[in-house]
């Protein structure tokens, strides 16, 4: 039978372990609170009252745990970070940044594909060729469709004219009424609008506001770039997409709603994601990492604090014909 001393010692040991864990939690909580305060200062975040702040802190804490758990898994090909979206639930994030209606992703009739017979080089980065403007930030206006449209037109304009203009996203948000402003839109509708409108004005002339307003036709009439139309890349073919991106930046739909996408900070993104397309970005290149992993280089519109300075590398040549996150499903590019 155990002596009184042994029982006392075991009880004391258990109490010590419990106290250690409790103290650890007590020490961690102020540290997390301090981290949240520092994060608020860095990102200029202010809350309406103490209740809202407490709710946001809980979301922040849950997101930090998710990010740290992911990064501690040594088998990942990419990393996550506590970025400016860390106090938003994934549902809130999706509502503000991903709003796309896939039922009308493509026009009814197939278009020609001018790059069918070209040979693509082994790598391409249109940024290095001066064809890509700096990364922009859509903020809480879900008009990724407009940013991708503009990025693709900026690219083809540079290639055709030798001049790189930062073009107006706000004109599309305000004036392209067949799309839905800050509530989503479609590439083919945007390209057709610009063709009918005989072009698009410059960002400096019609700057971005982050909300939908009335169309300023006077500003919109001062054209900085024009297109003849657009073409679709044959769907579900990364080989066809490669040929297109080898020749110009290409607008692509993806599913960008997952938490891993929300907090992506670097590396080659492999998912998890499905093909429920809800976001539009621009493929501005492709390449291969030192370890042989093939990737797409994608320009996003969530500012430079997200991803690799606003860019993402997504795995290329995967088994699924749709590509990672559906990137090969409905690509389009403007013609000029």
Protein backbone atom coordinates (compact mmCIF):
# COMPACT_ATOMS: atom_id res chain seq x y z
CA UNK A 1 0.00 0.00 0.00
CA UNK A 2 1.29 3.48 -0.86
CA UNK A 3 2.48 5.54 2.05
CA UNK A 4 0.91 8.83 3.01
CA UNK A 5 4.09 10.50 1.84
CA UNK A 6 3.86 8.88 -1.63
CA UNK A 7 0.22 9.91 -2.03
CA UNK A 8 1.08 13.45 -0.96
CA UNK A 9 3.98 13.55 -3.41
CA UNK A 10 1.85 12.36 -6.35
CA UNK A 11 -0.89 14.86 -5.51
CA UNK A 12 1.67 17.64 -5.26
CA UNK A 13 3.17 16.66 -8.61
CA UNK A 14 -0.23 16.68 -10.31
CA UNK A 15 -1.00 20.04 -8.76
CA UNK A 16 2.35 21.33 -9.99
CA UNK A 17 1.70 20.21 -13.55
CA UNK A 18 -1.77 21.78 -13.48
CA UNK A 19 -0.37 25.00 -12.06
CA UNK A 20 2.35 25.04 -14.71
CA UNK A 21 -0.20 24.65 -17.49
CA UNK A 22 -2.44 27.27 -15.95
CA UNK A 23 0.47 29.66 -15.61
CA UNK A 24 1.45 28.95 -19.22
CA UNK A 25 -2.06 29.87 -20.35
CA UNK A 26 -1.99 32.96 -18.15
CA UNK A 27 1.33 34.04 -19.64
CA UNK A 28 0.27 33.28 -23.21
CA UNK A 29 -2.97 35.25 -23.02
CA UNK A 30 -1.33 38.63 -22.26
CA UNK A 31 1.22 37.87 -24.98
CA UNK A 32 -1.58 37.25 -27.49
CA UNK A 33 -3.36 40.40 -26.32
CA UNK A 34 -0.17 42.38 -26.82
CA UNK A 35 0.30 40.86 -30.25
CA UNK A 36 -3.24 41.86 -31.16
CA UNK A 37 -2.64 45.42 -29.95
CA UNK A 38 0.54 45.65 -32.02
CA UNK A 39 -1.27 44.20 -35.01
CA UNK A 40 -4.04 46.81 -34.63
CA UNK A 41 -1.49 49.63 -34.66
CA UNK A 42 0.32 48.22 -37.66
CA UNK A 43 -2.84 47.86 -39.73
CA UNK A 44 -4.65 50.94 -38.45
CA UNK A 45 -7.49 48.92 -36.98
CA UNK A 46 -9.98 50.50 -34.56
CA UNK A 47 -13.15 48.94 -33.18
CA UNK A 48 -16.45 50.55 -32.27
CA UNK A 49 -16.47 49.40 -28.63
CA UNK A 50 -15.01 46.94 -26.12
CA UNK A 51 -17.48 44.22 -27.09
CA UNK A 52 -16.46 44.40 -30.75
CA UNK A 53 -12.79 44.44 -29.77
CA UNK A 54 -13.24 41.33 -27.63
CA UNK A 55 -15.02 39.54 -30.48
CA UNK A 56 -12.28 40.51 -32.94
CA UNK A 57 -9.59 39.39 -30.50
CA UNK A 58 -11.15 35.94 -30.29
CA UNK A 59 -11.21 35.69 -34.10
CA UNK A 60 -7.61 36.93 -34.24
CA UNK A 61 -6.54 34.35 -31.66
CA UNK A 62 -8.26 31.51 -33.54
CA UNK A 63 -6.66 32.58 -36.81
CA UNK A 64 -3.20 32.79 -35.21
CA UNK A 65 -3.62 29.24 -33.88
CA UNK A 66 -4.61 28.03 -37.37
CA UNK A 67 -1.62 29.79 -38.97
CA UNK A 68 0.90 28.51 -36.42
CA UNK A 69 -0.46 24.97 -36.62
CA UNK A 70 -0.18 25.03 -40.41
CA UNK A 71 3.35 26.45 -40.40
CA UNK A 72 4.51 23.93 -37.79
CA UNK A 73 3.67 21.12 -40.19
CA UNK A 74 6.98 20.53 -41.91
CA UNK A 75 5.40 18.96 -44.99
CA UNK A 76 3.93 22.17 -46.48
CA UNK A 77 5.23 23.75 -49.68
CA UNK A 78 4.08 27.23 -48.68
CA UNK A 79 3.71 29.42 -45.59
CA UNK A 80 0.98 31.45 -43.94
CA UNK A 81 1.29 34.74 -42.04
CA UNK A 82 -0.74 36.89 -39.66
CA UNK A 83 -1.69 39.49 -42.27
CA UNK A 84 -4.20 42.34 -42.31
CA UNK A 85 -7.12 39.88 -42.60
CA UNK A 86 -6.34 38.16 -39.28
CA UNK A 87 -9.32 39.61 -37.37
CA UNK A 88 -11.84 38.44 -39.96
CA UNK A 89 -13.61 35.12 -40.03
CA UNK A 90 -13.23 33.27 -43.29
CA UNK A 91 -16.90 33.96 -44.02
CA UNK A 92 -16.39 37.71 -43.56
CA UNK A 93 -13.27 37.62 -45.69
CA UNK A 94 -15.03 35.82 -48.54
CA UNK A 95 -17.93 38.27 -48.51
CA UNK A 96 -15.61 41.28 -48.80
CA UNK A 97 -13.04 39.95 -51.27
CA UNK A 98 -14.47 37.04 -53.27
CA UNK A 99 -17.72 37.65 -55.08
CA UNK A 100 -18.10 35.93 -58.41
CA UNK A 101 -21.03 34.21 -60.10
CA UNK A 102 -19.61 31.24 -62.07
CA UNK A 103 -22.82 30.43 -63.97
CA UNK A 104 -21.99 33.16 -66.50
CA UNK A 105 -18.22 32.76 -66.50
CA UNK A 106 -17.97 32.28 -70.23
CA UNK A 107 -19.84 33.69 -73.18
CA UNK A 108 -22.04 31.21 -75.02
CA UNK A 109 -19.90 30.98 -78.18
CA UNK A 110 -16.29 29.82 -78.13
CA UNK A 111 -13.71 32.32 -79.34
CA UNK A 112 -10.59 31.66 -81.45
CA UNK A 113 -7.28 30.88 -79.73
CA UNK A 114 -4.45 32.68 -81.49
CA UNK A 115 -1.67 30.96 -79.55
CA UNK A 116 -2.57 27.39 -80.47
CA UNK A 117 0.61 26.77 -82.47
CA UNK A 118 3.17 28.75 -80.49
CA UNK A 119 6.04 27.21 -78.53
CA UNK A 120 6.28 28.49 -74.97
CA UNK A 121 9.64 29.16 -73.30
CA UNK A 122 10.50 27.25 -70.12
CA UNK A 123 9.77 30.26 -67.89
CA UNK A 124 8.20 33.70 -68.09
CA UNK A 125 7.89 36.66 -65.72
CA UNK A 126 6.17 39.63 -67.32
CA UNK A 127 7.17 41.82 -64.37
CA UNK A 128 10.80 41.60 -65.47
CA UNK A 129 9.82 42.77 -68.95
CA UNK A 130 8.08 45.91 -67.65
CA UNK A 131 4.61 44.72 -68.61
CA UNK A 132 3.02 44.69 -65.14
CA UNK A 133 2.00 47.70 -63.02
CA UNK A 134 2.44 47.70 -59.21
CA UNK A 135 0.07 45.57 -57.13
CA UNK A 136 -3.20 47.31 -56.26
CA UNK A 137 -5.60 46.87 -53.35
CA UNK A 138 -9.34 46.35 -53.83
CA UNK A 139 -9.92 46.73 -50.08
CA UNK A 140 -13.45 45.68 -49.05
CA UNK A 141 -14.95 46.09 -52.53
CA UNK A 142 -15.38 42.66 -54.15
CA UNK A 143 -14.39 43.85 -57.62
CA UNK A 144 -11.51 41.48 -58.27
CA UNK A 145 -13.01 40.99 -61.74
CA UNK A 146 -12.24 44.65 -62.56
CA UNK A 147 -8.67 44.49 -61.24
CA UNK A 148 -7.90 41.38 -63.29
CA UNK A 149 -9.46 42.88 -66.42
CA UNK A 150 -7.39 46.04 -66.00
CA UNK A 151 -4.14 44.14 -65.33
CA UNK A 152 -4.56 42.09 -68.51
CA UNK A 153 -5.27 45.23 -70.57
CA UNK A 154 -2.32 47.06 -69.04
CA UNK A 155 -0.16 44.16 -70.20
CA UNK A 156 -1.37 43.95 -73.79
CA UNK A 157 -1.23 47.74 -74.10
CA UNK A 158 2.43 47.74 -73.08
CA UNK A 159 3.20 44.93 -75.51
CA UNK A 160 1.43 46.66 -78.41
CA UNK A 161 2.36 50.31 -77.80
CA UNK A 162 5.48 50.16 -75.66
CA UNK A 163 3.76 52.28 -73.00
CA UNK A 164 2.75 51.00 -69.56
CA UNK A 165 -0.27 52.85 -68.18
CA UNK A 166 -1.96 52.18 -64.86
CA UNK A 167 -5.59 52.03 -65.95
CA UNK A 168 -8.80 52.85 -64.10
CA UNK A 169 -10.48 50.08 -62.14
CA UNK A 170 -13.01 52.59 -60.82
CA UNK A 171 -14.35 53.28 -64.31
CA UNK A 172 -15.30 49.62 -64.61
CA UNK A 173 -16.85 49.56 -61.12
CA UNK A 174 -18.93 52.69 -61.80
CA UNK A 175 -19.72 52.47 -65.51
CA UNK A 176 -19.88 48.78 -66.45
CA UNK A 177 -23.45 48.34 -65.22
CA UNK A 178 -23.86 44.87 -66.72
CA UNK A 179 -21.46 43.73 -64.01
CA UNK A 180 -22.10 44.19 -60.30
CA UNK A 181 -19.56 46.71 -59.05
CA UNK A 182 -18.41 45.71 -55.57
CA UNK A 183 -20.59 42.61 -55.65
CA UNK A 184 -18.80 40.66 -58.34
CA UNK A 185 -18.56 40.48 -62.10
CA UNK A 186 -17.37 38.63 -65.21
CA UNK A 187 -14.38 39.04 -67.46
CA UNK A 188 -16.13 38.68 -70.81
CA UNK A 189 -18.70 41.34 -69.84
CA UNK A 190 -15.90 43.70 -68.78
CA UNK A 191 -13.87 43.13 -71.95
CA UNK A 192 -16.94 43.68 -74.13
CA UNK A 193 -17.80 46.88 -72.24
CA UNK A 194 -14.31 48.29 -72.85
CA UNK A 195 -14.49 47.39 -76.53
CA UNK A 196 -17.88 49.13 -76.91
CA UNK A 197 -16.62 52.10 -74.91
CA UNK A 198 -13.63 52.33 -77.29
CA UNK A 199 -11.19 52.04 -74.42
CA UNK A 200 -10.42 52.75 -70.80
CA UNK A 201 -9.12 55.83 -69.02
CA UNK A 202 -6.07 56.13 -66.76
CA UNK A 203 -6.01 55.51 -63.02
CA UNK A 204 -4.73 59.04 -62.42
CA UNK A 205 -7.73 60.46 -64.26
CA UNK A 206 -10.38 58.24 -62.62
CA UNK A 207 -8.81 57.01 -59.33
CA UNK A 208 -9.98 54.07 -57.27
CA UNK A 209 -12.42 54.75 -54.39
CA UNK A 210 -13.25 51.26 -53.17
CA UNK A 211 -17.00 51.83 -53.47
CA UNK A 212 -19.37 51.92 -56.43
CA UNK A 213 -20.39 55.42 -57.51
CA UNK A 214 -22.08 57.14 -60.43
CA UNK A 215 -20.33 56.85 -63.78
CA UNK A 216 -18.29 59.94 -64.59
CA UNK A 217 -18.66 59.92 -68.37
CA UNK A 218 -16.47 62.99 -68.79
CA UNK A 219 -13.52 61.32 -67.12
CA UNK A 220 -14.23 58.02 -68.87
CA UNK A 221 -14.08 59.71 -72.29
CA UNK A 222 -10.39 60.54 -71.82
CA UNK A 223 -9.02 57.24 -73.13
CA UNK A 224 -5.59 55.85 -72.24
CA UNK A 225 -5.87 52.35 -73.78
CA UNK A 226 -8.13 50.40 -76.10
CA UNK A 227 -8.73 46.78 -77.10
CA UNK A 228 -10.27 45.01 -80.09
CA UNK A 229 -11.95 42.35 -78.00
CA UNK A 230 -10.92 39.23 -76.12
CA UNK A 231 -10.29 35.54 -76.60
CA UNK A 232 -10.81 32.54 -74.35
CA UNK A 233 -8.09 30.04 -73.63
CA UNK A 234 -9.36 26.50 -74.32
CA UNK A 235 -10.82 25.38 -70.98
CA UNK A 236 -9.28 22.84 -68.64
CA UNK A 237 -5.90 22.83 -70.36
CA UNK A 238 -2.81 24.00 -68.51
CA UNK A 239 -0.84 23.47 -71.74
CA UNK A 240 -3.06 25.98 -73.56
CA UNK A 241 -2.87 28.39 -70.62
CA UNK A 242 0.93 28.13 -70.72
CA UNK A 243 0.96 29.18 -74.39
CA UNK A 244 -1.24 32.17 -73.63
CA UNK A 245 0.73 33.36 -70.58
CA UNK A 246 3.94 33.00 -72.59
CA UNK A 247 2.61 35.75 -74.84
CA UNK A 248 0.74 38.12 -72.51
CA UNK A 249 -0.78 38.41 -69.02
CA UNK A 250 -4.00 36.40 -68.78
CA UNK A 251 -7.07 36.84 -66.55
CA UNK A 252 -7.97 33.66 -64.66
CA UNK A 253 -10.75 32.58 -62.32
CA UNK A 254 -9.81 30.61 -59.20
CA UNK A 255 -11.32 29.47 -55.96
CA UNK A 256 -9.66 31.79 -53.47
CA UNK A 257 -11.93 31.48 -50.47
CA UNK A 258 -10.07 29.09 -48.17
CA UNK A 259 -8.28 30.14 -44.99
CA UNK A 260 -4.96 29.02 -46.45
CA UNK A 261 -5.51 31.33 -49.43
CA UNK A 262 -6.53 34.14 -47.07
CA UNK A 263 -3.28 33.94 -45.07
CA UNK A 264 -0.86 32.81 -47.81
CA UNK A 265 2.54 34.51 -47.51
CA UNK A 266 4.99 32.61 -49.70
CA UNK A 267 5.98 29.37 -51.42
CA UNK A 268 4.13 27.30 -54.00
CA UNK A 269 0.43 27.05 -53.17
CA UNK A 270 -1.00 23.56 -53.59
CA UNK A 271 -4.39 23.92 -51.87
CA UNK A 272 -6.52 22.81 -50.22
CA UNK A 273 -9.07 24.25 -52.59
CA UNK A 274 -11.84 23.08 -54.87
CA UNK A 275 -13.05 24.51 -58.18
CA UNK A 276 -15.95 26.60 -56.84
CA UNK A 277 -14.65 29.67 -58.65
CA UNK A 278 -15.11 32.84 -56.58
CA UNK A 279 -12.11 35.06 -57.31
CA UNK A 280 -10.36 36.56 -60.35
CA UNK A 281 -6.61 37.17 -60.59
CA UNK A 282 -4.04 37.63 -63.37
CA UNK A 283 -1.47 35.07 -64.48
CA UNK A 284 1.67 37.10 -65.24
CA UNK A 285 4.19 34.30 -65.58
CA UNK A 286 5.28 30.79 -64.75
CA UNK A 287 8.43 28.98 -63.75
CA UNK A 288 10.06 26.15 -61.84
CA UNK A 289 11.54 26.20 -58.33
CA UNK A 290 15.03 24.94 -57.52
CA UNK A 291 13.54 21.63 -56.38
CA UNK A 292 11.70 21.16 -59.68
CA UNK A 293 8.20 22.29 -58.67
CA UNK A 294 6.39 23.99 -61.55
CA UNK A 295 4.24 27.01 -60.72
CA UNK A 296 2.05 29.80 -62.08
CA UNK A 297 2.90 33.36 -61.05
CA UNK A 298 -0.32 35.15 -60.18
CA UNK A 299 -0.94 38.84 -59.48
CA UNK A 300 -3.65 39.42 -56.87
CA UNK A 301 -5.47 42.63 -55.85
CA UNK A 302 -5.23 42.43 -52.04
CA UNK A 303 -2.30 44.81 -51.60
CA UNK A 304 1.41 44.14 -51.15
CA UNK A 305 1.14 42.86 -47.56
CA UNK A 306 -0.56 39.70 -48.80
CA UNK A 307 1.43 36.84 -50.31
CA UNK A 308 4.79 37.45 -51.95
CA UNK A 309 4.46 41.22 -52.25
CA UNK A 310 0.93 40.80 -53.59
CA UNK A 311 1.71 37.76 -55.75
CA UNK A 312 1.13 34.04 -55.37
CA UNK A 313 2.86 31.07 -56.89
CA UNK A 314 0.36 28.27 -57.59
CA UNK A 315 1.38 24.73 -58.49
CA UNK A 316 1.38 24.03 -62.22
CA UNK A 317 0.92 20.81 -64.21
CA UNK A 318 -1.19 18.99 -61.66
CA UNK A 319 -3.19 15.82 -62.29
CA UNK A 320 -6.56 17.60 -62.30
CA UNK A 321 -7.34 19.04 -65.74
CA UNK A 322 -8.85 22.14 -64.11
CA UNK A 323 -5.54 23.03 -62.47
CA UNK A 324 -5.04 24.02 -58.84
CA UNK A 325 -8.12 25.89 -57.57
CA UNK A 326 -9.60 25.80 -61.10
CA UNK A 327 -7.02 28.16 -62.62
CA UNK A 328 -7.29 26.50 -66.05
CA UNK A 329 -11.08 26.40 -66.24
CA UNK A 330 -11.97 29.80 -67.77
CA UNK A 331 -8.92 31.90 -68.67
CA UNK A 332 -9.34 34.92 -70.98
CA UNK A 333 -7.11 37.62 -72.45
CA UNK A 334 -7.77 40.90 -74.28
CA UNK A 335 -6.73 41.46 -77.89
CA UNK A 336 -5.43 44.72 -79.29
